[in-house]
């Protein structure tokens, strides 16, 4: 379990007002970020003053990776993992961060797109999955995901049936006790 150290000085990030443009909001957030970092003049790293989780990515803000939070607000959304060029786990400088999309992430994104577009059909006969127009590596990964979903649904059904049987049996025992049948 990763231990997150207590925040030192960070305060809440400002929220965007309805009458505020995106550029004005970004400028306000940038000002807030600069108040909550120590700038290393030599490396130009923005060392986060807030919470730090040494074994899970470093700087944290409200259960998010702080560098990812800052990057999303100041530079926009990204796909994949957000890596740091400086390799400083405490740095939140968005200019030091870059999105990296590896093979696994590409597969995951393709699977998410296929599922979102409705390209997955589960046939009931023999628990076979039909996936059209998908590369082999993604097809195998998608089949594993679909099988896992089927198992989860089967577990929920079994647990529901067992819970219903327990409820019925309990009701019978209560009714018998009320009638005076005892044990």
C-alpha atoms as a PDB file:
ATOM      1  CA  UNK A   1       0.000   0.000   0.000  1.00  0.00           C
ATOM      2  CA  UNK A   2       1.371   3.368  -1.006  1.00  0.00           C
ATOM      3  CA  UNK A   3       1.618   5.913   1.758  1.00  0.00           C
ATOM      4  CA  UNK A   4       0.813   9.457   0.732  1.00  0.00           C
ATOM      5  CA  UNK A   5       2.512  12.114   2.791  1.00  0.00           C
ATOM      6  CA  UNK A   6       0.380  14.984   4.012  1.00  0.00           C
ATOM      7  CA  UNK A   7       0.080  18.105   1.854  1.00  0.00           C
ATOM      8  CA  UNK A   8       2.419  20.859   2.926  1.00  0.00           C
ATOM      9  CA  UNK A   9       0.941  24.058   1.492  1.00  0.00           C
ATOM     10  CA  UNK A  10      -1.351  23.405  -1.472  1.00  0.00           C
ATOM     11  CA  UNK A  11      -4.782  24.935  -1.512  1.00  0.00           C
ATOM     12  CA  UNK A  12      -7.658  24.060  -3.810  1.00  0.00           C
ATOM     13  CA  UNK A  13      -7.356  24.697  -7.505  1.00  0.00           C
ATOM     14  CA  UNK A  14      -9.631  27.526  -8.670  1.00  0.00           C
ATOM     15  CA  UNK A  15     -12.800  26.607 -10.567  1.00  0.00           C
ATOM     16  CA  UNK A  16     -13.657  28.207 -13.891  1.00  0.00           C
ATOM     17  CA  UNK A  17     -16.319  30.922 -13.683  1.00  0.00           C
ATOM     18  CA  UNK A  18     -19.139  31.025 -16.251  1.00  0.00           C
ATOM     19  CA  UNK A  19     -18.011  34.431 -17.535  1.00  0.00           C
ATOM     20  CA  UNK A  20     -14.335  33.422 -17.710  1.00  0.00           C
ATOM     21  CA  UNK A  21     -12.695  32.467 -21.021  1.00  0.00           C
ATOM     22  CA  UNK A  22     -10.566  29.325 -21.256  1.00  0.00           C
ATOM     23  CA  UNK A  23      -7.422  31.433 -21.633  1.00  0.00           C
ATOM     24  CA  UNK A  24      -8.258  33.503 -18.537  1.00  0.00           C
ATOM     25  CA  UNK A  25      -8.904  30.312 -16.584  1.00  0.00           C
ATOM     26  CA  UNK A  26      -5.618  28.747 -17.721  1.00  0.00           C
ATOM     27  CA  UNK A  27      -3.779  31.904 -16.616  1.00  0.00           C
ATOM     28  CA  UNK A  28      -5.502  31.713 -13.209  1.00  0.00           C
ATOM     29  CA  UNK A  29      -4.591  28.020 -12.820  1.00  0.00           C
ATOM     30  CA  UNK A  30      -1.003  28.691 -13.891  1.00  0.00           C
ATOM     31  CA  UNK A  31      -0.771  31.370 -11.183  1.00  0.00           C
ATOM     32  CA  UNK A  32      -2.212  28.884  -8.641  1.00  0.00           C
ATOM     33  CA  UNK A  33       0.255  26.175  -9.716  1.00  0.00           C
ATOM     34  CA  UNK A  34       3.205  28.559  -9.393  1.00  0.00           C
ATOM     35  CA  UNK A  35       2.076  29.394  -5.832  1.00  0.00           C
ATOM     36  CA  UNK A  36       2.155  25.676  -4.983  1.00  0.00           C
ATOM     37  CA  UNK A  37       5.559  24.740  -6.419  1.00  0.00           C
ATOM     38  CA  UNK A  38       9.188  25.472  -5.773  1.00  0.00           C
ATOM     39  CA  UNK A  39      10.959  26.212  -9.069  1.00  0.00           C
ATOM     40  CA  UNK A  40      14.386  24.634  -9.448  1.00  0.00           C
ATOM     41  CA  UNK A  41      16.325  27.270 -11.416  1.00  0.00           C
ATOM     42  CA  UNK A  42      18.863  24.778 -12.772  1.00  0.00           C
ATOM     43  CA  UNK A  43      16.483  22.116 -14.150  1.00  0.00           C
ATOM     44  CA  UNK A  44      13.362  24.323 -14.446  1.00  0.00           C
ATOM     45  CA  UNK A  45      11.427  21.606 -12.576  1.00  0.00           C
ATOM     46  CA  UNK A  46       8.340  22.758 -10.722  1.00  0.00           C
ATOM     47  CA  UNK A  47       8.600  20.757  -7.487  1.00  0.00           C
ATOM     48  CA  UNK A  48       5.129  20.207  -6.034  1.00  0.00           C
ATOM     49  CA  UNK A  49       4.685  21.350  -2.417  1.00  0.00           C
ATOM     50  CA  UNK A  50       1.646  19.144  -1.835  1.00  0.00           C
ATOM     51  CA  UNK A  51       1.125  15.462  -1.174  1.00  0.00           C
ATOM     52  CA  UNK A  52       3.694  12.970  -2.436  1.00  0.00           C
ATOM     53  CA  UNK A  53       3.343   9.215  -2.980  1.00  0.00           C
ATOM     54  CA  UNK A  54       6.849   7.876  -3.628  1.00  0.00           C
ATOM     55  CA  UNK A  55       5.783   4.465  -4.940  1.00  0.00           C
ATOM     56  CA  UNK A  56       2.960   5.537  -7.244  1.00  0.00           C
ATOM     57  CA  UNK A  57       4.064   8.324  -9.513  1.00  0.00           C
ATOM     58  CA  UNK A  58       5.085  10.968  -7.007  1.00  0.00           C
ATOM     59  CA  UNK A  59       3.306  14.293  -6.567  1.00  0.00           C
ATOM     60  CA  UNK A  60      -0.433  14.003  -5.834  1.00  0.00           C
ATOM     61  CA  UNK A  61      -3.364  16.414  -5.898  1.00  0.00           C
ATOM     62  CA  UNK A  62      -6.803  15.222  -4.709  1.00  0.00           C
ATOM     63  CA  UNK A  63      -6.011  11.549  -5.491  1.00  0.00           C
ATOM     64  CA  UNK A  64      -4.692  12.451  -8.957  1.00  0.00           C
ATOM     65  CA  UNK A  65      -1.145  12.502 -10.218  1.00  0.00           C
ATOM     66  CA  UNK A  66      -0.393  16.213  -9.864  1.00  0.00           C
ATOM     67  CA  UNK A  67       1.595  16.407 -13.110  1.00  0.00           C
ATOM     68  CA  UNK A  68      -1.342  14.861 -14.999  1.00  0.00           C
ATOM     69  CA  UNK A  69      -3.843  17.221 -13.342  1.00  0.00           C
ATOM     70  CA  UNK A  70      -1.766  20.284 -14.232  1.00  0.00           C
ATOM     71  CA  UNK A  71      -1.095  19.023 -17.791  1.00  0.00           C
ATOM     72  CA  UNK A  72      -4.806  18.420 -18.494  1.00  0.00           C
ATOM     73  CA  UNK A  73      -5.815  21.901 -17.381  1.00  0.00           C
ATOM     74  CA  UNK A  74      -2.971  23.816 -19.019  1.00  0.00           C
ATOM     75  CA  UNK A  75      -2.328  21.759 -22.184  1.00  0.00           C
ATOM     76  CA  UNK A  76      -5.467  19.658 -22.665  1.00  0.00           C
ATOM     77  CA  UNK A  77      -6.481  16.003 -22.674  1.00  0.00           C
ATOM     78  CA  UNK A  78      -4.098  13.286 -23.799  1.00  0.00           C
ATOM     79  CA  UNK A  79      -4.182   9.569 -24.554  1.00  0.00           C
ATOM     80  CA  UNK A  80      -1.919   7.022 -22.932  1.00  0.00           C
ATOM     81  CA  UNK A  81       0.445   7.608 -20.057  1.00  0.00           C
ATOM     82  CA  UNK A  82       1.939  10.968 -19.185  1.00  0.00           C
ATOM     83  CA  UNK A  83       5.678  10.662 -18.704  1.00  0.00           C
ATOM     84  CA  UNK A  84       8.204  13.244 -17.496  1.00  0.00           C
ATOM     85  CA  UNK A  85      11.321  14.070 -19.516  1.00  0.00           C
ATOM     86  CA  UNK A  86      13.089  15.218 -16.328  1.00  0.00           C
ATOM     87  CA  UNK A  87      12.251  11.952 -14.487  1.00  0.00           C
ATOM     88  CA  UNK A  88      11.604  14.025 -11.344  1.00  0.00           C
ATOM     89  CA  UNK A  89       8.586  12.462  -9.590  1.00  0.00           C
ATOM     90  CA  UNK A  90       7.858  15.751  -7.846  1.00  0.00           C
ATOM     91  CA  UNK A  91       7.841  17.884 -11.026  1.00  0.00           C
ATOM     92  CA  UNK A  92       4.514  19.214 -12.365  1.00  0.00           C
ATOM     93  CA  UNK A  93       5.930  21.425 -15.143  1.00  0.00           C
ATOM     94  CA  UNK A  94       3.675  20.647 -18.149  1.00  0.00           C
ATOM     95  CA  UNK A  95       6.599  21.397 -20.501  1.00  0.00           C
ATOM     96  CA  UNK A  96       8.465  18.454 -18.954  1.00  0.00           C
ATOM     97  CA  UNK A  97       5.562  16.042 -19.549  1.00  0.00           C
ATOM     98  CA  UNK A  98       4.649  14.183 -22.726  1.00  0.00           C
ATOM     99  CA  UNK A  99       1.986  11.609 -23.544  1.00  0.00           C
ATOM    100  CA  UNK A 100       3.339   8.153 -24.376  1.00  0.00           C
ATOM    101  CA  UNK A 101       1.171   5.584 -26.095  1.00  0.00           C
ATOM    102  CA  UNK A 102       2.704   2.116 -26.022  1.00  0.00           C
ATOM    103  CA  UNK A 103       1.447  -1.140 -27.541  1.00  0.00           C
ATOM    104  CA  UNK A 104      -0.736  -2.021 -24.545  1.00  0.00           C
ATOM    105  CA  UNK A 105      -2.292   1.435 -24.428  1.00  0.00           C
ATOM    106  CA  UNK A 106      -2.957   1.377 -28.183  1.00  0.00           C
ATOM    107  CA  UNK A 107      -4.715  -1.980 -27.771  1.00  0.00           C
ATOM    108  CA  UNK A 108      -6.740  -0.677 -24.832  1.00  0.00           C
ATOM    109  CA  UNK A 109      -7.783   2.435 -26.760  1.00  0.00           C
ATOM    110  CA  UNK A 110      -8.765   0.320 -29.777  1.00  0.00           C
ATOM    111  CA  UNK A 111     -10.809  -2.000 -27.539  1.00  0.00           C
ATOM    112  CA  UNK A 112     -12.548   0.973 -25.925  1.00  0.00           C
ATOM    113  CA  UNK A 113     -13.343   2.386 -29.384  1.00  0.00           C
ATOM    114  CA  UNK A 114     -14.719  -0.957 -30.609  1.00  0.00           C
ATOM    115  CA  UNK A 115     -16.887  -1.403 -27.517  1.00  0.00           C
ATOM    116  CA  UNK A 116     -18.093   2.219 -27.716  1.00  0.00           C
ATOM    117  CA  UNK A 117     -18.984   1.809 -31.421  1.00  0.00           C
ATOM    118  CA  UNK A 118     -20.904  -1.414 -30.707  1.00  0.00           C
ATOM    119  CA  UNK A 119     -18.499  -3.669 -32.640  1.00  0.00           C
ATOM    120  CA  UNK A 120     -18.650  -6.456 -30.043  1.00  0.00           C
ATOM    121  CA  UNK A 121     -21.337  -9.120 -30.160  1.00  0.00           C
ATOM    122  CA  UNK A 122     -21.565 -11.912 -27.595  1.00  0.00           C
ATOM    123  CA  UNK A 123     -23.209 -15.092 -28.888  1.00  0.00           C
ATOM    124  CA  UNK A 124     -24.854 -17.244 -26.240  1.00  0.00           C
ATOM    125  CA  UNK A 125     -24.227 -20.609 -27.915  1.00  0.00           C
ATOM    126  CA  UNK A 126     -21.108 -22.072 -26.363  1.00  0.00           C
ATOM    127  CA  UNK A 127     -19.968 -18.733 -24.941  1.00  0.00           C
ATOM    128  CA  UNK A 128     -18.240 -17.808 -28.226  1.00  0.00           C
ATOM    129  CA  UNK A 129     -17.386 -14.199 -28.859  1.00  0.00           C
ATOM    130  CA  UNK A 130     -17.631 -12.662 -32.301  1.00  0.00           C
ATOM    131  CA  UNK A 131     -15.441  -9.651 -32.930  1.00  0.00           C
ATOM    132  CA  UNK A 132     -15.376  -8.245 -36.454  1.00  0.00           C
ATOM    133  CA  UNK A 133     -12.632  -6.136 -38.034  1.00  0.00           C
ATOM    134  CA  UNK A 134     -10.171  -6.340 -35.156  1.00  0.00           C
ATOM    135  CA  UNK A 135      -6.449  -7.104 -35.248  1.00  0.00           C
ATOM    136  CA  UNK A 136      -5.452 -10.457 -33.734  1.00  0.00           C
ATOM    137  CA  UNK A 137      -3.713  -9.114 -30.612  1.00  0.00           C
ATOM    138  CA  UNK A 138      -6.647  -6.884 -29.794  1.00  0.00           C
ATOM    139  CA  UNK A 139      -9.124  -9.675 -30.621  1.00  0.00           C
ATOM    140  CA  UNK A 140      -7.506 -11.960 -28.009  1.00  0.00           C
ATOM    141  CA  UNK A 141      -7.466  -9.212 -25.382  1.00  0.00           C
ATOM    142  CA  UNK A 142     -11.081  -8.324 -26.137  1.00  0.00           C
ATOM    143  CA  UNK A 143     -12.126 -11.953 -25.854  1.00  0.00           C
ATOM    144  CA  UNK A 144     -10.508 -12.114 -22.399  1.00  0.00           C
ATOM    145  CA  UNK A 145     -12.407  -8.975 -21.359  1.00  0.00           C
ATOM    146  CA  UNK A 146     -15.714 -10.371 -22.671  1.00  0.00           C
ATOM    147  CA  UNK A 147     -15.130 -13.721 -20.920  1.00  0.00           C
ATOM    148  CA  UNK A 148     -14.414 -11.847 -17.694  1.00  0.00           C
ATOM    149  CA  UNK A 149     -17.680  -9.914 -18.056  1.00  0.00           C
ATOM    150  CA  UNK A 150     -19.606 -13.155 -18.661  1.00  0.00           C
ATOM    151  CA  UNK A 151     -18.085 -14.696 -15.515  1.00  0.00           C
ATOM    152  CA  UNK A 152     -18.909 -11.550 -13.507  1.00  0.00           C
ATOM    153  CA  UNK A 153     -22.526 -11.634 -14.698  1.00  0.00           C
ATOM    154  CA  UNK A 154     -22.794 -15.367 -13.913  1.00  0.00           C
ATOM    155  CA  UNK A 155     -21.415 -14.687 -10.405  1.00  0.00           C
ATOM    156  CA  UNK A 156     -23.970 -11.929  -9.860  1.00  0.00           C
ATOM    157  CA  UNK A 157     -26.787 -14.230 -10.981  1.00  0.00           C
ATOM    158  CA  UNK A 158     -25.645 -17.048  -8.677  1.00  0.00           C
ATOM    159  CA  UNK A 159     -25.189 -14.654  -5.753  1.00  0.00           C
ATOM    160  CA  UNK A 160     -28.648 -13.218  -6.408  1.00  0.00           C
ATOM    161  CA  UNK A 161     -30.266 -16.686  -6.484  1.00  0.00           C
ATOM    162  CA  UNK A 162     -28.475 -17.726  -3.287  1.00  0.00           C
ATOM    163  CA  UNK A 163     -29.517 -14.485  -1.563  1.00  0.00           C
ATOM    164  CA  UNK A 164     -33.136 -15.054  -2.642  1.00  0.00           C
ATOM    165  CA  UNK A 165     -33.085 -18.652  -1.337  1.00  0.00           C
ATOM    166  CA  UNK A 166     -31.683 -17.469   1.994  1.00  0.00           C
ATOM    167  CA  UNK A 167     -34.396 -14.788   2.221  1.00  0.00           C
ATOM    168  CA  UNK A 168     -37.155 -17.339   1.475  1.00  0.00           C
ATOM    169  CA  UNK A 169     -35.756 -19.835   3.996  1.00  0.00           C
ATOM    170  CA  UNK A 170     -35.430 -17.084   6.627  1.00  0.00           C
ATOM    171  CA  UNK A 171     -39.035 -15.964   6.006  1.00  0.00           C
ATOM    172  CA  UNK A 172     -40.186 -19.598   6.424  1.00  0.00           C
ATOM    173  CA  UNK A 173     -38.283 -19.895   9.720  1.00  0.00           C
ATOM    174  CA  UNK A 174     -39.776 -16.618  11.017  1.00  0.00           C
ATOM    175  CA  UNK A 175     -43.287 -17.646   9.988  1.00  0.00           C
ATOM    176  CA  UNK A 176     -42.858 -21.015  11.702  1.00  0.00           C
ATOM    177  CA  UNK A 177     -41.595 -19.329  14.891  1.00  0.00           C
ATOM    178  CA  UNK A 178     -44.558 -16.916  14.887  1.00  0.00           C
ATOM    179  CA  UNK A 179     -47.004 -19.800  14.483  1.00  0.00           C
ATOM    180  CA  UNK A 180     -45.425 -21.347  17.564  1.00  0.00           C
ATOM    181  CA  UNK A 181     -43.769 -24.209  15.784  1.00  0.00           C
ATOM    182  CA  UNK A 182     -40.432 -23.453  17.467  1.00  0.00           C
ATOM    183  CA  UNK A 183     -37.665 -25.474  15.929  1.00  0.00           C
END
